[in-house]
Amino acid sequence: MKSVGHCAMTLLLTLGISSCRKTGDARPEGPDAGWQSFASPEGGFSVLMPGKPTCEAVAVPRAYHPAVPEKSVQSTACSYEDAGIPAFYSDAWWDYPDQAHADEGVLDHVVDYVMSNKEVEWKKEISMDGNPGREFRGTYSSEGHTAVVQFRFYLVKGRIYQFGVFGNKKAFAPGKVDKFLDSFKLIQPHS
């Protein structure tokens, strides 16, 4: 039987990745054990993760960008599965195909699409360095398992950043999710 954070949840909660790799075993004990900085020069960001992620190129579902359906959009998704909890930490980014029209409406569409099969507890507008963003938290059920999910999205000069955590309630112990989400920083301007 697959873990809550493994392939089925990845497929449904992130960018449609068709294959998954287990990237981590149980972490060492202690609140900061195993956390490390991950920087993506290609993505132009850094973030703290509870282990070393694996990255792969994936196709962005066309439902993410219906205004330009003829465009094929590639994304890079990086993820780490903490099998000891279980929890799945994921970040992804892609350039919107029609950057001249990439506005907050596009951001809302992407977020609404991702939230569509989840029971949403809350959703709010956020920002980072003047760039618009959205955040939501909810639950998702599949194959008899229920996962808590929390994602943030930012739109930065036509690039969409999507990152979040999903897992069981233990994954959402005070500080764990915020540590990951609050650590996201742009390290170079995207042009």
Foldseek 3Di string as FASTA:
>chain_A
DDAPADDVCCCQQDFNDNHTDAADEAFDDDDQGQWDKDDDPVVQKIWIDSHFWDKDKDWGPLQLQVVCSVDTWIKMKIWHANHNQGKIKIKMKTFHPPLVPDDVVSQVSNVCVSCVQWAWPDKDWDADPNWTKIKTWTWHDDPHDIKIKIWMWTAASRMIMIIIMIHHVSCVDPPNGCRGVVRMDRNDHDD
